[in-house]
């Protein structure tokens, strides 16, 4: 059996476990915490192996699971992230996500992938990848300027203070970071394809101007 087939099989097994082993997952009911914890641990293990701990899917699921304290609606939040990731994987466009988001990849390669995904209507992952390219660019500029690396907002502010670019550019980058964060935290209705297209074009221009 190929690795892809094994991953698909594991997704299906965990989906069935969520349905068969954890009943009553709705409204304010409490659920079998032991079964939930076992299931969530298996999901995190799968996400880590397939996508990596830095992936949006791992981080989003981990964030939702950290808030679980025994209620059905909290488990449903976790299962929602799991099922969305399962659908994304089975759709075929997450197969190379783990390699795409590694820091050593060039920003323009990531943007090419973002454009391809955007052209196919996958605005959320395209938005995240554009954000990865933006963050990689900010890190490169900080490295060139002797500025300490940190979170994107901090690097952006420090680069402006160092007069690498002006306040208007800083505000634009802040807006881009905010859009990326919305995608990373699952706030997918807060923006549309046009917003992500503008993000990709803007980040590409920024890279061309400053790198």
Protein backbone atom coordinates (compact mmCIF):
# COMPACT_ATOMS: atom_id res chain seq x y z
CA UNK A 1 0.00 0.00 0.00
CA UNK A 2 1.34 3.44 -0.93
CA UNK A 3 1.90 6.17 1.67
CA UNK A 4 -0.95 8.20 0.18
CA UNK A 5 -3.30 5.23 0.50
CA UNK A 6 -2.21 4.69 4.12
CA UNK A 7 -2.90 8.33 4.96
CA UNK A 8 -6.33 8.18 3.35
CA UNK A 9 -7.11 4.97 5.24
CA UNK A 10 -6.06 6.55 8.54
CA UNK A 11 -8.25 9.57 7.91
CA UNK A 12 -11.22 7.26 7.32
CA UNK A 13 -10.48 5.22 10.45
CA UNK A 14 -10.33 8.32 12.63
CA UNK A 15 -13.49 9.70 11.07
CA UNK A 16 -15.33 6.48 11.95
CA UNK A 17 -13.92 6.52 15.49
CA UNK A 18 -15.25 10.03 16.02
CA UNK A 19 -18.72 8.89 14.97
CA UNK A 20 -18.86 5.47 16.63
CA UNK A 21 -16.89 5.95 19.85
CA UNK A 22 -17.98 9.47 20.85
CA UNK A 23 -21.79 9.73 20.67
CA UNK A 24 -23.90 12.66 21.82
CA UNK A 25 -21.55 15.35 20.52
CA UNK A 26 -23.99 18.23 20.32
CA UNK A 27 -25.30 21.21 22.28
CA UNK A 28 -24.17 21.32 25.91
CA UNK A 29 -23.85 17.58 26.59
CA UNK A 30 -20.70 16.10 28.03
CA UNK A 31 -18.91 13.34 26.16
CA UNK A 32 -16.52 10.48 26.91
CA UNK A 33 -13.36 12.47 27.67
CA UNK A 34 -11.07 9.44 27.56
CA UNK A 35 -12.30 8.50 24.09
CA UNK A 36 -11.99 12.14 22.93
CA UNK A 37 -8.45 12.47 24.22
CA UNK A 38 -7.42 9.21 22.57
CA UNK A 39 -8.95 10.27 19.27
CA UNK A 40 -7.41 13.75 19.38
CA UNK A 41 -3.97 12.33 20.16
CA UNK A 42 -4.23 10.09 17.10
CA UNK A 43 -5.33 13.03 14.95
CA UNK A 44 -2.41 15.18 16.10
CA UNK A 45 -0.01 12.33 15.38
CA UNK A 46 -1.41 11.97 11.86
CA UNK A 47 -1.28 15.73 11.20
CA UNK A 48 2.30 15.96 12.47
CA UNK A 49 3.49 13.14 10.23
CA UNK A 50 1.66 14.31 7.12
CA UNK A 51 1.78 18.12 7.38
CA UNK A 52 4.26 18.93 10.14
CA UNK A 53 3.82 20.80 13.43
CA UNK A 54 4.17 24.16 11.68
CA UNK A 55 1.24 23.51 9.37
CA UNK A 56 -1.96 25.50 9.74
CA UNK A 57 -3.94 22.28 10.08
CA UNK A 58 -1.86 20.99 13.00
CA UNK A 59 -1.85 24.36 14.76
CA UNK A 60 -5.57 24.97 14.26
CA UNK A 61 -6.54 21.52 15.53
CA UNK A 62 -4.13 21.79 18.46
CA UNK A 63 -5.60 25.18 19.38
CA UNK A 64 -9.17 23.88 19.32
CA UNK A 65 -8.22 20.73 21.26
CA UNK A 66 -6.47 22.80 23.95
CA UNK A 67 -9.87 24.37 24.74
CA UNK A 68 -11.65 21.02 25.09
CA UNK A 69 -12.84 20.27 28.63
CA UNK A 70 -15.46 17.62 28.09
CA UNK A 71 -18.34 19.25 26.24
CA UNK A 72 -19.81 18.00 23.00
CA UNK A 73 -19.75 21.34 21.18
CA UNK A 74 -16.02 21.64 21.90
CA UNK A 75 -15.41 18.20 20.46
CA UNK A 76 -17.45 19.15 17.40
CA UNK A 77 -15.12 22.13 16.87
CA UNK A 78 -12.18 19.72 16.81
CA UNK A 79 -13.98 17.29 14.52
CA UNK A 80 -14.86 20.16 12.17
CA UNK A 81 -11.17 20.99 11.71
CA UNK A 82 -10.35 17.30 11.24
CA UNK A 83 -13.02 16.80 8.59
CA UNK A 84 -12.05 19.95 6.72
CA UNK A 85 -8.44 18.76 6.63
CA UNK A 86 -9.56 15.29 5.52
CA UNK A 87 -11.52 16.82 2.64
CA UNK A 88 -8.59 19.03 1.68
CA UNK A 89 -6.20 16.08 1.63
CA UNK A 90 -8.54 13.86 -0.33
CA UNK A 91 -9.06 16.72 -2.76
CA UNK A 92 -5.38 16.41 -3.64
CA UNK A 93 -4.11 19.93 -3.11
CA UNK A 94 -2.46 19.44 0.32
CA UNK A 95 -0.09 16.69 -0.75
CA UNK A 96 2.95 18.98 -0.86
CA UNK A 97 1.98 21.41 1.90
CA UNK A 98 4.64 20.20 4.32
CA UNK A 99 7.46 20.88 1.88
CA UNK A 100 5.92 24.11 0.60
CA UNK A 101 6.02 25.86 3.96
CA UNK A 102 9.61 25.02 4.88
CA UNK A 103 11.58 28.16 5.47
CA UNK A 104 14.36 27.26 3.08
CA UNK A 105 12.05 27.45 0.04
CA UNK A 106 12.34 30.68 -1.93
CA UNK A 107 9.47 33.09 -1.57
CA UNK A 108 8.78 33.21 -5.29
CA UNK A 109 8.37 29.43 -5.41
CA UNK A 110 5.79 29.66 -2.64
CA UNK A 111 3.98 32.45 -4.46
CA UNK A 112 3.84 30.35 -7.62
CA UNK A 113 2.10 27.67 -5.60
CA UNK A 114 -0.24 30.28 -4.09
CA UNK A 115 -1.17 31.51 -7.57
CA UNK A 116 -1.89 27.98 -8.73
CA UNK A 117 -4.11 27.30 -5.73
CA UNK A 118 -5.87 30.64 -6.09
CA UNK A 119 -6.58 29.97 -9.75
CA UNK A 120 -8.30 26.75 -8.67
CA UNK A 121 -10.39 28.57 -6.08
CA UNK A 122 -8.44 27.47 -2.99
CA UNK A 123 -8.22 30.94 -1.46
CA UNK A 124 -7.51 29.86 2.12
CA UNK A 125 -4.35 27.86 1.52
CA UNK A 126 -3.25 30.43 -1.10
CA UNK A 127 -3.62 33.13 1.55
CA UNK A 128 -1.55 31.15 4.04
CA UNK A 129 1.20 30.50 1.51
CA UNK A 130 1.33 34.18 0.56
CA UNK A 131 1.70 34.89 4.27
CA UNK A 132 4.57 32.41 4.47
CA UNK A 133 6.29 34.22 1.58
CA UNK A 134 5.73 37.56 3.32
CA UNK A 135 7.14 36.32 6.61
CA UNK A 136 10.17 34.81 4.87
CA UNK A 137 10.79 38.17 3.19
CA UNK A 138 10.53 40.06 6.48
CA UNK A 139 13.01 37.64 8.04
CA UNK A 140 15.42 38.11 5.15
CA UNK A 141 15.19 41.90 5.45
CA UNK A 142 15.74 41.71 9.21
CA UNK A 143 18.76 39.49 8.68
CA UNK A 144 20.25 41.98 6.24
CA UNK A 145 19.60 44.86 8.64
CA UNK A 146 20.81 43.18 11.83
CA UNK A 147 17.30 43.22 13.33
CA UNK A 148 16.28 40.48 15.74
CA UNK A 149 13.82 37.97 14.31
CA UNK A 150 10.41 37.66 15.92
CA UNK A 151 6.73 37.71 15.12
CA UNK A 152 5.72 39.27 11.82
CA UNK A 153 4.18 42.40 13.38
CA UNK A 154 7.30 43.05 15.45
CA UNK A 155 9.64 42.59 12.50
CA UNK A 156 7.45 44.85 10.39
CA UNK A 157 7.55 47.61 13.02
CA UNK A 158 11.31 47.25 13.52
CA UNK A 159 11.99 47.43 9.79
CA UNK A 160 9.96 50.63 9.57
CA UNK A 161 11.86 52.11 12.52
CA UNK A 162 15.09 51.21 10.76
CA UNK A 163 13.78 53.15 7.73
CA UNK A 164 13.87 50.10 5.53
CA UNK A 165 10.48 51.34 4.30
CA UNK A 166 7.98 54.05 5.25
CA UNK A 167 4.93 54.08 7.52
CA UNK A 168 2.53 53.61 4.62
CA UNK A 169 4.30 50.39 3.67
CA UNK A 170 4.25 49.24 7.29
CA UNK A 171 0.48 49.75 7.45
CA UNK A 172 0.02 47.81 4.21
CA UNK A 173 2.10 44.93 5.53
CA UNK A 174 0.11 45.00 8.80
CA UNK A 175 -3.06 44.53 6.75
CA UNK A 176 -1.47 41.63 4.88
CA UNK A 177 -0.42 39.99 8.16
CA UNK A 178 -3.96 40.39 9.49
CA UNK A 179 -5.37 38.70 6.39
CA UNK A 180 -2.90 35.82 6.76
CA UNK A 181 -3.85 35.44 10.42
CA UNK A 182 -7.54 35.24 9.54
CA UNK A 183 -6.79 32.36 7.16
CA UNK A 184 -4.55 30.62 9.69
CA UNK A 185 -7.23 30.78 12.40
CA UNK A 186 -10.07 29.58 10.21
CA UNK A 187 -11.84 32.92 9.81
CA UNK A 188 -12.38 32.08 6.15
CA UNK A 189 -15.52 34.15 5.64
CA UNK A 190 -13.71 37.38 6.52
CA UNK A 191 -12.15 37.68 3.06
CA UNK A 192 -12.72 36.58 -0.52
CA UNK A 193 -10.78 35.56 -3.62
CA UNK A 194 -10.21 39.17 -4.63
CA UNK A 195 -8.64 39.95 -1.26
CA UNK A 196 -6.23 37.03 -1.57
CA UNK A 197 -5.42 37.93 -5.17
CA UNK A 198 -4.51 41.45 -4.03
CA UNK A 199 -2.39 39.94 -1.24
CA UNK A 200 -0.45 37.70 -3.62
CA UNK A 201 0.14 40.55 -6.08
CA UNK A 202 1.18 42.90 -3.29
CA UNK A 203 3.60 40.45 -1.67
CA UNK A 204 5.11 39.65 -5.05
CA UNK A 205 5.68 43.36 -5.71
CA UNK A 206 7.10 43.81 -2.20
CA UNK A 207 9.59 41.01 -2.76
CA UNK A 208 10.59 42.50 -6.11
CA UNK A 209 11.08 45.96 -4.61
CA UNK A 210 12.99 44.99 -1.47
CA UNK A 211 14.83 41.76 -2.29
